Protein backbone atom coordinates (compact mmCIF):
# COMPACT_ATOMS: atom_id res chain seq x y z
CA MET A 1 -10.16 22.24 3.60
CA LEU A 2 -9.90 19.61 0.35
CA THR A 3 -6.84 21.16 -0.41
CA ASP A 4 -5.30 19.71 3.42
CA ILE A 5 -6.43 16.59 2.65
CA TYR A 6 -4.15 16.70 -0.38
CA SER A 7 -1.31 17.64 0.76
CA GLN A 8 -1.22 15.66 3.96
CA LEU A 9 -1.83 12.85 0.95
CA LEU A 10 0.67 14.00 -1.19
CA ILE A 11 3.53 14.58 2.20
CA MET A 12 2.87 10.64 3.12
CA SER A 13 3.14 8.99 -0.92
CA ALA A 14 6.41 10.83 -0.12
CA VAL A 15 7.11 8.87 2.24
CA ALA A 16 6.24 5.64 1.84
CA GLY A 17 7.64 6.39 -1.43
CA VAL A 18 11.32 7.12 -0.30
CA LEU A 19 10.83 4.48 2.73
CA TYR A 20 10.14 1.75 -0.38
CA LEU A 21 12.87 2.13 -2.51
CA LEU A 22 15.50 3.05 1.04
CA LEU A 23 13.86 -1.09 1.47
CA LYS A 24 14.91 -1.74 -1.93
CA LEU A 25 17.96 -0.09 -1.70
CA ALA A 26 18.42 -2.24 0.94
CA ASN A 27 17.41 -5.28 0.27
CA LYS A 28 20.83 -7.32 -0.37
CA LEU A 29 21.67 -5.93 2.48
CA THR A 30 18.89 -7.14 4.60
CA LYS A 31 18.36 -10.22 3.23
CA LYS A 32 21.04 -12.16 4.67
CA TYR A 33 20.52 -10.85 8.19
CA PHE A 34 17.69 -11.10 8.64
CA THR A 35 14.33 -13.41 8.32
CA ALA A 36 11.30 -12.93 5.61
CA THR A 37 8.96 -11.53 8.99
CA TRP A 38 11.20 -8.60 9.48
CA HIS A 39 10.83 -7.79 5.65
CA TYR A 40 6.68 -8.29 6.26
CA TYR A 41 6.69 -6.29 9.20
CA SER A 42 8.98 -3.80 8.05
CA HIS A 43 6.70 -3.12 4.93
CA LEU A 44 3.75 -3.69 7.21
CA LEU A 45 4.50 -0.83 8.79
CA MET A 46 5.97 1.52 4.80
CA TYR A 47 1.90 1.45 4.62
CA SER A 48 0.44 1.74 7.19
CA LEU A 49 1.65 4.87 7.43
CA LEU A 50 0.27 6.09 4.20
CA PHE A 51 -3.06 4.64 5.10
CA ASP A 52 -3.04 6.01 8.90
CA SER A 53 -2.98 9.27 7.52
CA VAL A 54 -5.70 8.75 4.81
CA LEU A 55 -7.84 7.86 7.70
CA SER A 56 -6.97 10.37 10.73
CA GLU A 57 -8.11 12.70 7.85
CA GLN A 58 -11.05 11.30 7.17
CA ALA A 59 -12.31 12.20 10.65
CA GLY A 60 -11.62 15.42 10.95
CA ASP A 61 -13.60 15.90 8.79
CA ASN A 62 -15.99 13.99 9.98
CA GLN A 63 -16.49 15.73 13.49
CA LYS A 64 -16.16 19.34 11.98
């Protein structure tokens, strides 16, 4: 049970890390065409993926 939580956190952390790197690599291109609001919401979406997995795992543990 605890290993499942850690494995899910590890996977979601890796996904968030890859998304962060992709956004940073594409920042010079996207800065020309997109506004700061777009950058803000894209990072917010990336961070919400990480926090969503943590909250859903905790909710699942409380139901058992």
